[in-house]
C-alpha atoms as a PDB file:
ATOM      1  CA  MET A   1       0.000   0.000   0.000  1.00  0.00           C
ATOM      2  CA  LYS A   2       1.337   3.431  -0.947  1.00  0.00           C
ATOM      3  CA  ALA A   3       1.692   6.194   1.600  1.00  0.00           C
ATOM      4  CA  LYS A   4      -1.008   8.815   1.305  1.00  0.00           C
ATOM      5  CA  LYS A   5       0.135  12.244   0.192  1.00  0.00           C
ATOM      6  CA  HIS A   6      -1.176  15.376   1.860  1.00  0.00           C
ATOM      7  CA  PRO A   7      -0.421  18.206  -0.578  1.00  0.00           C
ATOM      8  CA  ILE A   8      -2.718  20.713   1.145  1.00  0.00           C
ATOM      9  CA  LEU A   9      -1.080  20.445   4.543  1.00  0.00           C
ATOM     10  CA  LYS A  10       2.417  20.187   3.088  1.00  0.00           C
ATOM     11  CA  THR A  11       1.872  23.247   0.872  1.00  0.00           C
ATOM     12  CA  VAL A  12       0.720  25.300   3.850  1.00  0.00           C
ATOM     13  CA  LEU A  13       3.681  24.124   5.947  1.00  0.00           C
ATOM     14  CA  TYR A  14       6.126  24.723   3.092  1.00  0.00           C
ATOM     15  CA  GLY A  15       4.713  28.231   2.662  1.00  0.00           C
ATOM     16  CA  LEU A  16       5.114  28.919   6.374  1.00  0.00           C
ATOM     17  CA  ILE A  17       8.730  27.710   6.297  1.00  0.00           C
ATOM     18  CA  CYS A  18       9.423  29.869   3.234  1.00  0.00           C
ATOM     19  CA  ALA A  19       7.867  32.889   4.940  1.00  0.00           C
ATOM     20  CA  LEU A  20      10.065  32.380   8.004  1.00  0.00           C
ATOM     21  CA  ILE A  21      13.203  31.923   5.907  1.00  0.00           C
ATOM     22  CA  PHE A  22      12.394  34.830   3.583  1.00  0.00           C
ATOM     23  CA  VAL A  23      13.652  37.640   5.816  1.00  0.00           C
ATOM     24  CA  PRO A  24      17.159  36.287   6.497  1.00  0.00           C
ATOM     25  CA  LEU A  25      17.546  34.941   2.957  1.00  0.00           C
ATOM     26  CA  SER A  26      16.521  38.168   1.260  1.00  0.00           C
ATOM     27  CA  LEU A  27      18.728  40.260   3.564  1.00  0.00           C
ATOM     28  CA  PHE A  28      21.685  37.997   2.781  1.00  0.00           C
ATOM     29  CA  LEU A  29      20.992  38.146  -0.963  1.00  0.00           C
ATOM     30  CA  ASN A  30      20.569  41.919  -0.716  1.00  0.00           C
ATOM     31  CA  SER A  31      24.161  42.161   0.521  1.00  0.00           C
ATOM     32  CA  LEU A  32      25.206  40.545  -2.782  1.00  0.00           C
ATOM     33  CA  LEU A  33      22.612  41.913  -5.230  1.00  0.00           C
ATOM     34  CA  SER A  34      20.272  44.865  -5.612  1.00  0.00           C
ATOM     35  CA  TRP A  35      17.000  44.756  -3.672  1.00  0.00           C
ATOM     36  CA  PRO A  36      14.594  43.732  -6.504  1.00  0.00           C
ATOM     37  CA  ARG A  37      16.984  41.031  -7.693  1.00  0.00           C
ATOM     38  CA  ALA A  38      17.462  39.720  -4.157  1.00  0.00           C
ATOM     39  CA  ILE A  39      13.709  39.369  -3.654  1.00  0.00           C
ATOM     40  CA  CYS A  40      13.231  37.731  -7.051  1.00  0.00           C
ATOM     41  CA  LEU A  41      16.067  35.292  -6.427  1.00  0.00           C
ATOM     42  CA  ALA A  42      14.646  34.374  -3.009  1.00  0.00           C
ATOM     43  CA  LEU A  43      11.246  33.793  -4.599  1.00  0.00           C
ATOM     44  CA  TRP A  44      12.916  31.703  -7.314  1.00  0.00           C
ATOM     45  CA  PHE A  45      14.491  29.477  -4.650  1.00  0.00           C
ATOM     46  CA  PHE A  46      11.085  28.974  -3.028  1.00  0.00           C
ATOM     47  CA  LEU A  47       9.446  28.172  -6.373  1.00  0.00           C
ATOM     48  CA  SER A  48      12.197  25.660  -7.095  1.00  0.00           C
ATOM     49  CA  GLY A  49      11.500  23.917  -3.800  1.00  0.00           C
ATOM     50  CA  TYR A  50       7.773  23.925  -4.515  1.00  0.00           C
ATOM     51  CA  ALA A  51       8.437  22.455  -7.969  1.00  0.00           C
ATOM     52  CA  ALA A  52      10.458  19.690  -6.303  1.00  0.00           C
ATOM     53  CA  LEU A  53       7.496  18.959  -3.999  1.00  0.00           C
ATOM     54  CA  LEU A  54       5.138  18.887  -6.993  1.00  0.00           C
ATOM     55  CA  ASN A  55       7.463  16.411  -8.684  1.00  0.00           C
ATOM     56  CA  LEU A  56       7.372  14.167  -5.622  1.00  0.00           C
ATOM     57  CA  TRP A  57       3.581  14.301  -5.389  1.00  0.00           C
ATOM     58  CA  GLY A  58       3.205  13.650  -9.105  1.00  0.00           C
ATOM     59  CA  ASP A  59       5.791  10.838  -9.134  1.00  0.00           C
ATOM     60  CA  LYS A  60       7.695  12.600 -11.929  1.00  0.00           C
ATOM     61  CA  ALA A  61      11.384  13.140 -12.525  1.00  0.00           C
ATOM     62  CA  HIS A  62      12.768  16.407 -11.198  1.00  0.00           C
ATOM     63  CA  ILE A  63      14.194  17.223 -14.610  1.00  0.00           C
ATOM     64  CA  SER A  64      10.669  17.858 -15.914  1.00  0.00           C
ATOM     65  CA  SER A  65      10.412  21.167 -14.045  1.00  0.00           C
ATOM     66  CA  VAL A  66      13.885  22.496 -14.805  1.00  0.00           C
ATOM     67  CA  PHE A  67      13.043  24.245 -18.087  1.00  0.00           C
ATOM     68  CA  PRO A  68      10.274  26.538 -16.739  1.00  0.00           C
ATOM     69  CA  LEU A  69      12.454  27.462 -13.764  1.00  0.00           C
ATOM     70  CA  LEU A  70      15.455  28.204 -15.985  1.00  0.00           C
ATOM     71  CA  LEU A  71      13.305  30.584 -18.045  1.00  0.00           C
ATOM     72  CA  LEU A  72      12.874  32.726 -14.921  1.00  0.00           C
ATOM     73  CA  VAL A  73      16.605  33.197 -14.236  1.00  0.00           C
ATOM     74  CA  PRO A  74      17.282  35.730 -17.045  1.00  0.00           C
ATOM     75  CA  VAL A  75      14.290  37.778 -15.893  1.00  0.00           C
ATOM     76  CA  ILE A  76      15.926  38.141 -12.468  1.00  0.00           C
ATOM     77  CA  PHE A  77      19.223  39.437 -13.796  1.00  0.00           C
ATOM     78  CA  LEU A  78      18.137  41.342 -16.927  1.00  0.00           C
ATOM     79  CA  THR A  79      15.292  43.397 -15.434  1.00  0.00           C
ATOM     80  CA  HIS A  80      14.642  45.269 -12.220  1.00  0.00           C
ATOM     81  CA  SER A  81      10.936  44.485 -12.344  1.00  0.00           C
ATOM     82  CA  GLY A  82       9.582  42.387  -9.526  1.00  0.00           C
ATOM     83  CA  THR A  83       6.125  42.535 -11.091  1.00  0.00           C
ATOM     84  CA  LEU A  84       7.309  41.024 -14.364  1.00  0.00           C
ATOM     85  CA  PHE A  85       9.117  38.279 -12.473  1.00  0.00           C
ATOM     86  CA  PHE A  86       6.062  37.565 -10.333  1.00  0.00           C
ATOM     87  CA  ILE A  87       3.737  37.270 -13.343  1.00  0.00           C
ATOM     88  CA  LEU A  88       6.169  34.976 -15.146  1.00  0.00           C
ATOM     89  CA  ALA A  89       6.678  32.958 -11.955  1.00  0.00           C
ATOM     90  CA  LEU A  90       2.916  32.430 -11.691  1.00  0.00           C
ATOM     91  CA  MET A  91       2.893  31.212 -15.273  1.00  0.00           C
ATOM     92  CA  ALA A  92       5.863  28.899 -14.651  1.00  0.00           C
ATOM     93  CA  ILE A  93       4.383  27.336 -11.525  1.00  0.00           C
ATOM     94  CA  SER A  94       1.080  26.837 -13.346  1.00  0.00           C
ATOM     95  CA  TRP A  95       2.963  25.167 -16.184  1.00  0.00           C
ATOM     96  CA  ILE A  96       4.811  22.893 -13.790  1.00  0.00           C
ATOM     97  CA  ARG A  97       1.800  22.025 -11.643  1.00  0.00           C
ATOM     98  CA  SER A  98      -0.612  21.330 -14.481  1.00  0.00           C
ATOM     99  CA  GLY A  99       1.882  19.186 -16.367  1.00  0.00           C
ATOM    100  CA  ILE A 100       3.294  17.260 -13.446  1.00  0.00           C
ATOM    101  CA  CYS A 101       0.874  16.756 -10.628  1.00  0.00           C
ATOM    102  CA  PHE A 102      -2.476  15.819 -11.969  1.00  0.00           C
ATOM    103  CA  HIS A 103      -3.472  15.207 -15.541  1.00  0.00           C
ATOM    104  CA  ARG A 104      -6.910  16.712 -16.004  1.00  0.00           C
ATOM    105  CA  PRO A 105      -8.919  17.839 -19.005  1.00  0.00           C
ATOM    106  CA  VAL A 106      -7.307  20.903 -20.548  1.00  0.00           C
ATOM    107  CA  ALA A 107     -10.319  23.189 -20.105  1.00  0.00           C
ATOM    108  CA  THR A 108     -10.721  22.385 -16.404  1.00  0.00           C
ATOM    109  CA  GLY A 109      -7.016  22.686 -15.687  1.00  0.00           C
ATOM    110  CA  LEU A 110      -6.743  25.949 -17.611  1.00  0.00           C
ATOM    111  CA  ALA A 111      -9.741  27.427 -15.805  1.00  0.00           C
ATOM    112  CA  VAL A 112      -8.362  26.546 -12.364  1.00  0.00           C
ATOM    113  CA  GLU A 113      -4.872  27.781 -13.249  1.00  0.00           C
ATOM    114  CA  MET A 114      -6.233  31.086 -14.586  1.00  0.00           C
ATOM    115  CA  LEU A 115      -8.355  31.541 -11.466  1.00  0.00           C
ATOM    116  CA  LEU A 116      -5.395  30.886  -9.166  1.00  0.00           C
ATOM    117  CA  CYS A 117      -3.082  33.166 -11.168  1.00  0.00           C
ATOM    118  CA  PHE A 118      -5.710  35.909 -11.164  1.00  0.00           C
ATOM    119  CA  ALA A 119      -6.303  35.518  -7.410  1.00  0.00           C
ATOM    120  CA  GLY A 120      -2.560  35.641  -6.738  1.00  0.00           C
ATOM    121  CA  ALA A 121      -2.106  38.709  -8.939  1.00  0.00           C
ATOM    122  CA  VAL A 122      -5.006  40.515  -7.256  1.00  0.00           C
ATOM    123  CA  LEU A 123      -3.543  39.807  -3.824  1.00  0.00           C
ATOM    124  CA  VAL A 124      -0.172  41.177  -4.895  1.00  0.00           C
ATOM    125  CA  ILE A 125      -1.737  44.310  -6.392  1.00  0.00           C
ATOM    126  CA  MET A 126      -3.918  44.904  -3.331  1.00  0.00           C
ATOM    127  CA  PHE A 127      -1.190  44.236  -0.785  1.00  0.00           C
ATOM    128  CA  THR A 128       1.882  45.517  -2.583  1.00  0.00           C
ATOM    129  CA  PRO A 129       4.623  44.615  -0.141  1.00  0.00           C
ATOM    130  CA  GLY A 130       6.967  47.436   0.772  1.00  0.00           C
ATOM    131  CA  SER A 131       8.966  45.921   3.582  1.00  0.00           C
ATOM    132  CA  VAL A 132      10.718  42.605   3.919  1.00  0.00           C
ATOM    133  CA  PHE A 133       8.187  41.489   6.537  1.00  0.00           C
ATOM    134  CA  ALA A 134       5.292  42.294   4.217  1.00  0.00           C
ATOM    135  CA  TRP A 135       7.015  40.193   1.558  1.00  0.00           C
ATOM    136  CA  ALA A 136       7.299  37.317   4.031  1.00  0.00           C
ATOM    137  CA  VAL A 137       3.551  37.482   4.696  1.00  0.00           C
ATOM    138  CA  GLY A 138       3.003  37.699   0.929  1.00  0.00           C
ATOM    139  CA  VAL A 139       5.010  34.514   0.407  1.00  0.00           C
ATOM    140  CA  TRP A 140       2.853  32.681   2.910  1.00  0.00           C
ATOM    141  CA  MET A 141      -0.333  34.061   1.307  1.00  0.00           C
ATOM    142  CA  PHE A 142       0.939  32.873  -2.078  1.00  0.00           C
ATOM    143  CA  PHE A 143       1.239  29.307  -0.853  1.00  0.00           C
ATOM    144  CA  LEU A 144      -2.146  29.512   0.873  1.00  0.00           C
ATOM    145  CA  VAL A 145      -3.651  30.424  -2.505  1.00  0.00           C
ATOM    146  CA  GLN A 146      -1.751  27.535  -4.093  1.00  0.00           C
ATOM    147  CA  THR A 147      -3.528  25.084  -1.794  1.00  0.00           C
ATOM    148  CA  LEU A 148      -6.756  25.950  -3.601  1.00  0.00           C
ATOM    149  CA  TYR A 149      -5.483  23.883  -6.523  1.00  0.00           C
ATOM    150  CA  PHE A 150      -5.440  20.765  -4.399  1.00  0.00           C
ATOM    151  CA  ILE A 151      -8.766  21.610  -2.794  1.00  0.00           C
ATOM    152  CA  ALA A 152     -10.320  21.927  -6.258  1.00  0.00           C
ATOM    153  CA  PHE A 153      -8.999  18.543  -7.361  1.00  0.00           C
ATOM    154  CA  GLU A 154      -9.104  16.635  -4.048  1.00  0.00           C
ATOM    155  CA  PRO A 155     -12.543  15.034  -4.645  1.00  0.00           C
ATOM    156  CA  ALA A 156     -11.486  13.827  -8.103  1.00  0.00           C
ATOM    157  CA  ALA A 157      -8.232  12.416  -6.736  1.00  0.00           C
ATOM    158  CA  ALA A 158     -10.088  10.612  -3.940  1.00  0.00           C
ATOM    159  CA  GLN A 159     -12.447   8.961  -6.449  1.00  0.00           C
ATOM    160  CA  ASN A 160      -9.529   7.603  -8.473  1.00  0.00           C
ATOM    161  CA  GLU A 161      -7.885   5.883  -5.493  1.00  0.00           C
ATOM    162  CA  GLU A 162      -8.017   2.112  -5.354  1.00  0.00           C
ATOM    163  CA  PRO A 163     -10.063   0.639  -2.509  1.00  0.00           C
ATOM    164  CA  ILE A 164      -8.074  -0.637   0.432  1.00  0.00           C
ATOM    165  CA  GLN A 165      -7.844  -4.422   0.536  1.00  0.00           C
ATOM    166  CA  GLN A 166      -9.434  -5.890   3.661  1.00  0.00           C
ATOM    167  CA  ASP A 167      -8.294  -9.085   5.248  1.00  0.00           C
ATOM    168  CA  SER A 168     -10.758 -11.916   5.880  1.00  0.00           C
ATOM    169  CA  PHE A 169     -11.175 -11.076   9.581  1.00  0.00           C
ATOM    170  CA  GLU A 170     -12.116  -7.451   8.778  1.00  0.00           C
ATOM    171  CA  ARG A 171     -14.600  -8.603   6.125  1.00  0.00           C
ATOM    172  CA  ALA A 172     -16.219 -11.118   8.540  1.00  0.00           C
ATOM    173  CA  SER A 173     -16.407  -8.465  11.264  1.00  0.00           C
ATOM    174  CA  ARG A 174     -18.213  -6.053   8.920  1.00  0.00           C
ATOM    175  CA  GLN A 175     -20.643  -8.787   7.831  1.00  0.00           C
ATOM    176  CA  ALA A 176     -21.409  -9.629  11.471  1.00  0.00           C
ATOM    177  CA  GLU A 177     -22.044  -5.967  12.250  1.00  0.00           C
ATOM    178  CA  GLY A 178     -24.360  -5.748   9.253  1.00  0.00           C
ATOM    179  CA  ILE A 179     -26.323  -8.811  10.404  1.00  0.00           C
ATOM    180  CA  LEU A 180     -26.643  -7.413  13.949  1.00  0.00           C
ATOM    181  CA  ASP A 181     -27.775  -4.052  12.596  1.00  0.00           C
ATOM    182  CA  ASP A 182     -30.457  -5.758  10.492  1.00  0.00           C
ATOM    183  CA  VAL A 183     -31.690  -7.846  13.460  1.00  0.00           C
ATOM    184  CA  TYR A 184     -31.905  -5.054  16.029  1.00  0.00           C
ATOM    185  CA  PHE A 185     -32.892  -2.087  13.858  1.00  0.00           C
END
């Protein structure tokens, strides 16, 4: 029997860890790079870790998410735009998640990905982070929004699971309970 995966809980915990690490990591990177590049590079590290988790949950090779992540690296070093990086990062994580984790019909997957990208973009526009602590909260909010993907597809994933095999004692116990329920009720 395979171990059950809990992507919702693990995404929330990963987001919390990233939010706690964000402040020291971005301050360290800021000593090496300019402020927008330091933030974008810290976010890139977090997205890379999330892509690795998606690969584990989807039972895919880690090499399958390298290309979208590599496309983000030139954006970090060739522009000073955090907004451009964030929009492209949303697109990259959608690309990785929809191709790796769960294979769904294209229309359904595209609709959910667009909704999540739009919700993430609206949150960033509404709560434009100015300080490093606001960015840390923003990172955690980002991963909270990402859990909506798994909430949207959790019922479908549960239906596709194979039933758990019961041993003969368990089966006999359930039959006895059924007989007793029929007799007394």
